[in-house]
Amino acid sequence: MSNPLLEDPVSMANATPVATASDLDQILPQVNRFRMAEGILRNDPETGITVGYRDIRADDWWAEDHIPGRPLFPGVLQCELAAQVASYDMLSNRFEDEGQDTFVGLGGLESVRFRAPVVPGCRLVMAVFLERGGSKICRYLCQGYVGEKMVFEGKILGVRF
């Protein structure tokens, strides 16, 4: 059974980004093909909720090979999208005063479930909720949506190095 929805996925899918791809380039270390997040739709340090997105395209670098004739956005890249949205929260809201050398890495995944296929032509909206924040480790509940449907759920541990 999934957790209650973190966000209204339909309204978030069409929200105006509060951070664009160029803004993300200033915060996230992942670049080019490996930056999964394309923008941030909500960043609320008070509630601990940050929402990002990726538009899934048929010409994405993974699409031709995963799966030929029926491209599916890989689950591991969905995990990476969740981790990048969580990293955005950590670096912009939790450790923003730590300096340019602060690095946030993936510390672990828990209870990850893929609930439906994610295919080209959709927007994957990823909401993360800070469950527990510390001086080195933050734990997030993550939910991914396509339209009204939850397609991804899990917990991400982010570690500050």
N, C-alpha and C. Protein backbone atom coordinates (compact mmCIF):
# COMPACT_ATOMS: atom_id res chain seq x y z
N MET A 1 0.84 -1.18 0.00
CA MET A 1 0.00 0.00 0.00
C MET A 1 0.88 1.24 0.00
N SER A 2 0.55 2.20 -0.84
CA SER A 2 1.37 3.40 -0.95
C SER A 2 1.00 4.41 0.14
N ASN A 3 1.94 5.34 0.36
CA ASN A 3 1.74 6.42 1.31
C ASN A 3 0.75 7.43 0.74
N PRO A 4 0.17 8.28 1.58
CA PRO A 4 -0.69 9.36 1.07
C PRO A 4 0.11 10.25 0.11
N LEU A 5 -0.57 10.83 -0.86
CA LEU A 5 0.09 11.66 -1.85
C LEU A 5 0.77 12.86 -1.20
N LEU A 6 1.99 13.13 -1.64
CA LEU A 6 2.71 14.30 -1.16
C LEU A 6 2.20 15.58 -1.82
N GLU A 7 1.73 15.47 -3.03
CA GLU A 7 1.33 16.62 -3.82
C GLU A 7 0.13 16.27 -4.68
N ASP A 8 -0.52 17.29 -5.21
CA ASP A 8 -1.54 17.10 -6.23
C ASP A 8 -0.81 16.99 -7.56
N PRO A 9 -0.66 15.78 -8.09
CA PRO A 9 0.19 15.61 -9.26
C PRO A 9 -0.28 16.36 -10.49
N VAL A 10 -1.57 16.52 -10.68
CA VAL A 10 -2.07 17.20 -11.87
C VAL A 10 -1.70 18.68 -11.84
N SER A 11 -1.93 19.35 -10.73
CA SER A 11 -1.59 20.77 -10.66
C SER A 11 -0.09 20.99 -10.71
N MET A 12 0.71 20.10 -10.13
CA MET A 12 2.15 20.27 -10.15
C MET A 12 2.73 20.07 -11.54
N ALA A 13 2.15 19.18 -12.33
CA ALA A 13 2.69 18.91 -13.67
C ALA A 13 2.68 20.15 -14.55
N ASN A 14 1.75 21.06 -14.32
CA ASN A 14 1.64 22.26 -15.14
C ASN A 14 2.11 23.52 -14.43
N ALA A 15 2.72 23.37 -13.26
CA ALA A 15 3.20 24.53 -12.51
C ALA A 15 4.38 25.17 -13.22
N THR A 16 4.54 26.45 -13.00
CA THR A 16 5.70 27.18 -13.53
C THR A 16 6.92 26.83 -12.68
N PRO A 17 8.02 26.45 -13.30
CA PRO A 17 9.20 26.09 -12.51
C PRO A 17 9.71 27.25 -11.66
N VAL A 18 10.13 26.93 -10.44
CA VAL A 18 10.77 27.92 -9.57
C VAL A 18 12.28 27.86 -9.76
N ALA A 19 12.77 26.80 -10.39
CA ALA A 19 14.18 26.67 -10.76
C ALA A 19 14.24 25.97 -12.11
N THR A 20 14.98 26.55 -13.04
CA THR A 20 15.11 26.01 -14.39
C THR A 20 16.36 25.13 -14.49
N ALA A 21 16.56 24.56 -15.66
CA ALA A 21 17.74 23.72 -15.90
C ALA A 21 19.02 24.50 -15.63
N SER A 22 19.07 25.76 -16.04
CA SER A 22 20.29 26.55 -15.79
C SER A 22 20.48 26.82 -14.30
N ASP A 23 19.38 26.96 -13.56
CA ASP A 23 19.49 27.10 -12.10
C ASP A 23 20.04 25.82 -11.48
N LEU A 24 19.57 24.67 -11.98
CA LEU A 24 20.04 23.39 -11.46
C LEU A 24 21.53 23.20 -11.73
N ASP A 25 22.00 23.72 -12.87
CA ASP A 25 23.42 23.61 -13.19
C ASP A 25 24.30 24.30 -12.15
N GLN A 26 23.74 25.28 -11.45
CA GLN A 26 24.49 26.00 -10.43
C GLN A 26 24.54 25.23 -9.10
N ILE A 27 23.66 24.25 -8.94
CA ILE A 27 23.55 23.55 -7.65
C ILE A 27 23.92 22.08 -7.74
N LEU A 28 23.40 21.38 -8.75
CA LEU A 28 23.63 19.93 -8.85
C LEU A 28 24.92 19.63 -9.63
N PRO A 29 25.69 18.65 -9.18
CA PRO A 29 26.93 18.32 -9.89
C PRO A 29 26.71 17.49 -11.15
N GLN A 30 25.57 16.82 -11.28
CA GLN A 30 25.31 16.00 -12.47
C GLN A 30 25.07 16.92 -13.66
N VAL A 31 25.68 16.58 -14.79
CA VAL A 31 25.56 17.43 -15.97
C VAL A 31 25.21 16.58 -17.19
N ASN A 32 24.89 17.29 -18.25
CA ASN A 32 24.62 16.68 -19.56
C ASN A 32 23.62 15.53 -19.45
N ARG A 33 23.97 14.37 -19.99
CA ARG A 33 23.01 13.27 -20.03
C ARG A 33 22.62 12.76 -18.66
N PHE A 34 23.47 12.94 -17.67
CA PHE A 34 23.16 12.34 -16.38
C PHE A 34 22.43 13.27 -15.42
N ARG A 35 22.13 14.49 -15.83
CA ARG A 35 21.26 15.30 -14.99
C ARG A 35 19.84 14.93 -15.37
N MET A 36 19.15 14.22 -14.49
CA MET A 36 17.79 13.77 -14.75
C MET A 36 16.77 14.87 -14.51
N ALA A 37 16.97 15.69 -13.49
CA ALA A 37 16.02 16.76 -13.18
C ALA A 37 16.15 17.87 -14.22
N GLU A 38 15.02 18.30 -14.76
CA GLU A 38 15.02 19.39 -15.74
C GLU A 38 14.55 20.70 -15.14
N GLY A 39 13.94 20.63 -13.97
CA GLY A 39 13.47 21.83 -13.30
C GLY A 39 12.86 21.47 -11.96
N ILE A 40 12.66 22.50 -11.14
CA ILE A 40 12.02 22.34 -9.84
C ILE A 40 10.71 23.12 -9.88
N LEU A 41 9.62 22.45 -9.53
CA LEU A 41 8.28 23.05 -9.56
C LEU A 41 7.85 23.60 -8.22
N ARG A 42 8.42 23.07 -7.15
CA ARG A 42 8.11 23.55 -5.80
C ARG A 42 9.32 23.29 -4.92
N ASN A 43 9.64 24.27 -4.10
CA ASN A 43 10.74 24.13 -3.16
C ASN A 43 10.30 24.81 -1.87
N ASP A 44 9.83 24.02 -0.92
CA ASP A 44 9.24 24.57 0.30
C ASP A 44 9.97 24.04 1.54
N PRO A 45 10.97 24.79 2.02
CA PRO A 45 11.71 24.32 3.19
C PRO A 45 10.85 24.19 4.45
N GLU A 46 9.77 24.94 4.52
CA GLU A 46 8.88 24.87 5.70
C GLU A 46 8.20 23.51 5.82
N THR A 47 7.69 23.00 4.71
CA THR A 47 7.01 21.70 4.74
C THR A 47 7.95 20.55 4.45
N GLY A 48 9.15 20.86 3.93
CA GLY A 48 10.10 19.82 3.57
C GLY A 48 9.80 19.17 2.24
N ILE A 49 8.92 19.77 1.43
CA ILE A 49 8.55 19.19 0.13
C ILE A 49 9.23 19.94 -1.00
N THR A 50 9.88 19.19 -1.86
CA THR A 50 10.47 19.71 -3.08
C THR A 50 9.95 18.84 -4.23
N VAL A 51 9.59 19.48 -5.33
CA VAL A 51 9.03 18.76 -6.47
C VAL A 51 9.82 19.16 -7.72
N GLY A 52 10.30 18.15 -8.43
CA GLY A 52 11.00 18.37 -9.69
C GLY A 52 10.34 17.58 -10.80
N TYR A 53 10.91 17.68 -11.99
CA TYR A 53 10.31 16.95 -13.11
C TYR A 53 11.35 16.62 -14.16
N ARG A 54 10.96 15.69 -15.02
CA ARG A 54 11.68 15.38 -16.26
C ARG A 54 10.65 15.05 -17.32
N ASP A 55 10.79 15.68 -18.48
CA ASP A 55 9.97 15.32 -19.63
C ASP A 55 10.62 14.12 -20.30
N ILE A 56 9.86 13.06 -20.48
CA ILE A 56 10.37 11.82 -21.04
C ILE A 56 10.19 11.86 -22.55
N ARG A 57 11.31 11.80 -23.29
CA ARG A 57 11.28 11.97 -24.74
C ARG A 57 11.76 10.71 -25.46
N ALA A 58 11.23 10.50 -26.64
CA ALA A 58 11.61 9.33 -27.45
C ALA A 58 13.04 9.43 -27.96
N ASP A 59 13.62 10.64 -28.00
CA ASP A 59 15.00 10.78 -28.47
C ASP A 59 16.00 10.87 -27.32
N ASP A 60 15.56 10.58 -26.08
CA ASP A 60 16.50 10.53 -24.95
C ASP A 60 17.55 9.46 -25.20
N TRP A 61 18.73 9.62 -24.62
CA TRP A 61 19.88 8.74 -24.87
C TRP A 61 19.62 7.27 -24.53
N TRP A 62 18.73 6.99 -23.63
CA TRP A 62 18.45 5.62 -23.19
C TRP A 62 17.36 4.95 -24.03
N ALA A 63 16.54 5.74 -24.73
CA ALA A 63 15.28 5.25 -25.30
C ALA A 63 15.46 4.18 -26.39
N GLU A 64 16.48 4.31 -27.20
CA GLU A 64 16.65 3.35 -28.30
C GLU A 64 17.00 1.94 -27.79
N ASP A 65 17.69 1.88 -26.66
CA ASP A 65 18.20 0.60 -26.17
C ASP A 65 17.41 0.01 -25.00
N HIS A 66 16.50 0.77 -24.43
CA HIS A 66 15.76 0.28 -23.24
C HIS A 66 14.27 0.54 -23.41
N ILE A 67 13.58 -0.18 -23.99
CA ILE A 67 13.61 -1.50 -24.60
C ILE A 67 13.33 -1.28 -26.09
N PRO A 68 14.12 -1.86 -27.03
CA PRO A 68 13.89 -1.61 -28.46
C PRO A 68 12.44 -1.89 -28.86
N GLY A 69 11.84 -0.90 -29.51
CA GLY A 69 10.46 -1.03 -29.95
C GLY A 69 9.43 -0.67 -28.89
N ARG A 70 9.85 -0.59 -27.64
CA ARG A 70 8.94 -0.23 -26.55
C ARG A 70 9.74 0.47 -25.44
N PRO A 71 10.19 1.69 -25.70
CA PRO A 71 11.06 2.35 -24.74
C PRO A 71 10.38 2.59 -23.38
N LEU A 72 11.10 2.20 -22.34
CA LEU A 72 10.65 2.40 -20.96
C LEU A 72 11.73 3.18 -20.23
N PHE A 73 11.35 4.25 -19.55
CA PHE A 73 12.31 5.02 -18.76
C PHE A 73 12.82 4.12 -17.64
N PRO A 74 14.13 3.85 -17.59
CA PRO A 74 14.66 2.88 -16.64
C PRO A 74 14.40 3.25 -15.18
N GLY A 75 14.07 2.23 -14.40
CA GLY A 75 13.82 2.44 -12.97
C GLY A 75 15.00 3.06 -12.25
N VAL A 76 16.21 2.67 -12.62
CA VAL A 76 17.39 3.23 -11.96
C VAL A 76 17.49 4.73 -12.24
N LEU A 77 17.04 5.19 -13.41
CA LEU A 77 17.04 6.61 -13.70
C LEU A 77 15.92 7.34 -12.97
N GLN A 78 14.82 6.64 -12.68
CA GLN A 78 13.79 7.22 -11.82
C GLN A 78 14.35 7.44 -10.41
N CYS A 79 15.12 6.47 -9.93
CA CYS A 79 15.78 6.62 -8.62
C CYS A 79 16.74 7.80 -8.65
N GLU A 80 17.48 7.94 -9.74
CA GLU A 80 18.41 9.06 -9.88
C GLU A 80 17.68 10.39 -9.90
N LEU A 81 16.53 10.46 -10.58
CA LEU A 81 15.73 11.69 -10.57
C LEU A 81 15.31 12.03 -9.15
N ALA A 82 14.81 11.04 -8.41
CA ALA A 82 14.41 11.29 -7.02
C ALA A 82 15.60 11.78 -6.20
N ALA A 83 16.76 11.16 -6.39
CA ALA A 83 17.96 11.55 -5.65
C ALA A 83 18.38 12.97 -6.00
N GLN A 84 18.25 13.36 -7.26
CA GLN A 84 18.64 14.72 -7.64
C GLN A 84 17.68 15.76 -7.08
N VAL A 85 16.39 15.46 -7.04
CA VAL A 85 15.44 16.40 -6.44
C VAL A 85 15.72 16.52 -4.94
N ALA A 86 16.00 15.39 -4.29
CA ALA A 86 16.37 15.43 -2.86
C ALA A 86 17.68 16.20 -2.67
N SER A 87 18.65 16.00 -3.55
CA SER A 87 19.92 16.72 -3.47
C SER A 87 19.69 18.22 -3.62
N TYR A 88 18.78 18.60 -4.51
CA TYR A 88 18.46 20.02 -4.66
C TYR A 88 17.97 20.59 -3.33
N ASP A 89 17.08 19.85 -2.66
CA ASP A 89 16.60 20.31 -1.35
C ASP A 89 17.76 20.41 -0.36
N MET A 90 18.59 19.38 -0.29
CA MET A 90 19.69 19.39 0.66
C MET A 90 20.64 20.56 0.41
N LEU A 91 21.00 20.78 -0.84
CA LEU A 91 22.00 21.81 -1.16
C LEU A 91 21.44 23.22 -1.15
N SER A 92 20.14 23.38 -1.38
CA SER A 92 19.58 24.73 -1.39
C SER A 92 18.88 25.11 -0.09
N ASN A 93 18.48 24.12 0.71
CA ASN A 93 17.73 24.43 1.94
C ASN A 93 18.40 23.95 3.22
N ARG A 94 19.19 22.91 3.15
CA ARG A 94 19.75 22.31 4.36
C ARG A 94 21.21 22.68 4.59
N PHE A 95 22.01 22.64 3.52
CA PHE A 95 23.46 22.84 3.65
C PHE A 95 23.95 24.00 2.80
N GLU A 96 23.08 24.96 2.51
CA GLU A 96 23.45 26.05 1.60
C GLU A 96 24.59 26.90 2.14
N ASP A 97 24.81 26.91 3.44
CA ASP A 97 25.88 27.72 4.04
C ASP A 97 27.19 26.96 4.17
N GLU A 98 27.23 25.73 3.69
CA GLU A 98 28.42 24.89 3.86
C GLU A 98 29.51 25.18 2.84
N GLY A 99 29.22 25.92 1.79
CA GLY A 99 30.25 26.26 0.81
C GLY A 99 30.13 25.45 -0.47
N GLN A 100 30.90 25.88 -1.46
CA GLN A 100 30.84 25.29 -2.79
C GLN A 100 31.33 23.85 -2.84
N ASP A 101 32.17 23.45 -1.88
CA ASP A 101 32.74 22.10 -1.92
C ASP A 101 31.83 21.04 -1.31
N THR A 102 30.67 21.43 -0.82
CA THR A 102 29.74 20.46 -0.25
C THR A 102 29.22 19.54 -1.35
N PHE A 103 29.32 18.26 -1.12
CA PHE A 103 28.83 17.26 -2.08
C PHE A 103 27.82 16.38 -1.38
N VAL A 104 26.71 16.13 -2.06
CA VAL A 104 25.68 15.24 -1.54
C VAL A 104 25.64 14.02 -2.45
N GLY A 105 25.76 12.84 -1.86
CA GLY A 105 25.73 11.60 -2.62
C GLY A 105 24.60 10.70 -2.16
N LEU A 106 24.33 9.70 -2.96
CA LEU A 106 23.29 8.72 -2.65
C LEU A 106 23.80 7.78 -1.56
N GLY A 107 23.09 7.73 -0.45
CA GLY A 107 23.48 6.88 0.67
C GLY A 107 22.72 5.58 0.73
N GLY A 108 21.57 5.52 0.05
CA GLY A 108 20.80 4.28 0.06
C GLY A 108 19.41 4.47 -0.48
N LEU A 109 18.78 3.35 -0.77
CA LEU A 109 17.40 3.29 -1.25
C LEU A 109 16.65 2.32 -0.36
N GLU A 110 15.41 2.64 -0.04
CA GLU A 110 14.58 1.75 0.76
C GLU A 110 13.19 1.65 0.14
N SER A 111 12.62 0.48 0.19
CA SER A 111 11.21 0.25 -0.18
C SER A 111 10.84 0.85 -1.53
N VAL A 112 11.72 0.75 -2.51
CA VAL A 112 11.45 1.31 -3.84
C VAL A 112 10.48 0.41 -4.58
N ARG A 113 9.46 1.02 -5.18
CA ARG A 113 8.46 0.30 -5.97
C ARG A 113 8.20 1.08 -7.25
N PHE A 114 8.14 0.35 -8.35
CA PHE A 114 7.78 0.91 -9.65
C PHE A 114 6.36 0.44 -9.93
N ARG A 115 5.42 1.36 -9.97
CA ARG A 115 4.00 1.02 -9.99
C ARG A 115 3.39 0.99 -11.38
N ALA A 116 4.06 1.59 -12.37
CA ALA A 116 3.56 1.61 -13.74
C ALA A 116 4.70 2.02 -14.66
N PRO A 117 4.64 1.64 -15.94
CA PRO A 117 5.70 2.03 -16.87
C PRO A 117 5.70 3.54 -17.11
N VAL A 118 6.88 4.08 -17.32
CA VAL A 118 7.06 5.49 -17.69
C VAL A 118 7.62 5.48 -19.10
N VAL A 119 6.88 6.08 -20.03
CA VAL A 119 7.21 5.99 -21.46
C VAL A 119 7.35 7.39 -22.06
N PRO A 120 8.02 7.48 -23.22
CA PRO A 120 8.16 8.77 -23.88
C PRO A 120 6.80 9.44 -24.12
N GLY A 121 6.84 10.77 -24.04
CA GLY A 121 5.64 11.56 -24.27
C GLY A 121 4.97 12.02 -22.99
N CYS A 122 5.56 11.70 -21.84
CA CYS A 122 4.93 12.11 -20.57
C CYS A 122 5.89 12.97 -19.77
N ARG A 123 5.36 13.61 -18.76
CA ARG A 123 6.16 14.34 -17.78
C ARG A 123 6.14 13.53 -16.49
N LEU A 124 7.32 13.19 -16.01
CA LEU A 124 7.45 12.51 -14.73
C LEU A 124 7.71 13.57 -13.67
N VAL A 125 6.76 13.72 -12.76
CA VAL A 125 6.85 14.68 -11.66
C VAL A 125 7.30 13.91 -10.43
N MET A 126 8.39 14.37 -9.81
CA MET A 126 8.95 13.68 -8.65
C MET A 126 8.87 14.59 -7.43
N ALA A 127 8.11 14.13 -6.42
CA ALA A 127 7.97 14.86 -5.17
C ALA A 127 8.79 14.15 -4.09
N VAL A 128 9.54 14.94 -3.31
CA VAL A 128 10.30 14.38 -2.20
C VAL A 128 9.91 15.13 -0.93
N PHE A 129 9.83 14.38 0.15
CA PHE A 129 9.46 14.95 1.45
C PHE A 129 10.54 14.58 2.46
N LEU A 130 11.12 15.59 3.10
CA LEU A 130 12.15 15.36 4.10
C LEU A 130 11.51 14.74 5.34
N GLU A 131 11.79 13.45 5.56
CA GLU A 131 11.28 12.75 6.75
C GLU A 131 12.17 13.01 7.96
N ARG A 132 13.48 13.01 7.70
CA ARG A 132 14.42 13.21 8.79
C ARG A 132 15.68 13.87 8.23
N GLY A 133 16.07 14.97 8.85
CA GLY A 133 17.28 15.67 8.41
C GLY A 133 18.28 15.75 9.53
N GLY A 134 19.52 15.51 9.22
CA GLY A 134 20.59 15.61 10.18
C GLY A 134 21.74 16.42 9.62
N SER A 135 22.83 16.45 10.34
CA SER A 135 23.98 17.24 9.89
C SER A 135 24.72 16.56 8.74
N LYS A 136 24.54 15.26 8.56
CA LYS A 136 25.22 14.54 7.48
C LYS A 136 24.28 13.75 6.59
N ILE A 137 23.16 13.25 7.14
CA ILE A 137 22.26 12.37 6.39
C ILE A 137 20.84 12.92 6.43
N CYS A 138 20.19 12.89 5.27
CA CYS A 138 18.78 13.25 5.18
C CYS A 138 18.04 12.07 4.55
N ARG A 139 16.83 11.82 5.06
CA ARG A 139 16.00 10.72 4.54
C ARG A 139 14.72 11.32 3.97
N TYR A 140 14.40 10.91 2.73
CA TYR A 140 13.25 11.45 2.01
C TYR A 140 12.28 10.36 1.58
N LEU A 141 11.00 10.63 1.73
CA LEU A 141 9.96 9.85 1.08
C LEU A 141 9.82 10.45 -0.32
N CYS A 142 9.82 9.61 -1.35
CA CYS A 142 9.77 10.07 -2.73
C CYS A 142 8.60 9.43 -3.46
N GLN A 143 7.92 10.23 -4.27
CA GLN A 143 6.82 9.72 -5.08
C GLN A 143 6.91 10.34 -6.47
N GLY A 144 6.80 9.50 -7.49
CA GLY A 144 6.79 9.97 -8.87
C GLY A 144 5.42 9.78 -9.48
N TYR A 145 5.00 10.77 -10.27
CA TYR A 145 3.67 10.76 -10.87
C TYR A 145 3.75 11.01 -12.37
N VAL A 146 2.89 10.33 -13.10
CA VAL A 146 2.60 10.67 -14.49
C VAL A 146 1.11 10.93 -14.51
N GLY A 147 0.74 12.18 -14.80
CA GLY A 147 -0.66 12.56 -14.67
C GLY A 147 -1.11 12.36 -13.24
N GLU A 148 -2.22 11.67 -13.04
CA GLU A 148 -2.75 11.41 -11.70
C GLU A 148 -2.19 10.13 -11.09
N LYS A 149 -1.45 9.37 -11.86
CA LYS A 149 -1.02 8.04 -11.42
C LYS A 149 0.36 8.07 -10.76
N MET A 150 0.44 7.47 -9.56
CA MET A 150 1.74 7.30 -8.92
C MET A 150 2.44 6.14 -9.61
N VAL A 151 3.64 6.41 -10.15
CA VAL A 151 4.38 5.39 -10.89
C VAL A 151 5.63 4.93 -10.16
N PHE A 152 6.04 5.69 -9.15
CA PHE A 152 7.27 5.42 -8.41
C PHE A 152 7.07 5.80 -6.95
N GLU A 153 7.65 4.99 -6.08
CA GLU A 153 7.61 5.32 -4.65
C GLU A 153 8.82 4.69 -3.99
N GLY A 154 9.37 5.38 -3.03
CA GLY A 154 10.50 4.83 -2.28
C GLY A 154 11.05 5.84 -1.31
N LYS A 155 12.13 5.45 -0.66
CA LYS A 155 12.84 6.34 0.26
C LYS A 155 14.28 6.42 -0.20
N ILE A 156 14.81 7.64 -0.11
CA ILE A 156 16.18 7.95 -0.54
C ILE A 156 16.93 8.50 0.67
N LEU A 157 18.15 8.04 0.85
CA LEU A 157 19.05 8.60 1.84
C LEU A 157 20.10 9.43 1.11
N GLY A 158 20.19 10.69 1.47
CA GLY A 158 21.23 11.56 0.92
C GLY A 158 22.29 11.78 1.99
N VAL A 159 23.56 11.72 1.59
CA VAL A 159 24.67 11.86 2.52
C VAL A 159 25.53 13.04 2.09
N ARG A 160 25.83 13.91 3.05
CA ARG A 160 26.72 15.04 2.79
C ARG A 160 28.15 14.60 3.02
N PHE A 161 29.01 14.85 2.02
CA PHE A 161 30.43 14.51 2.13
C PHE A 161 31.25 15.77 2.26
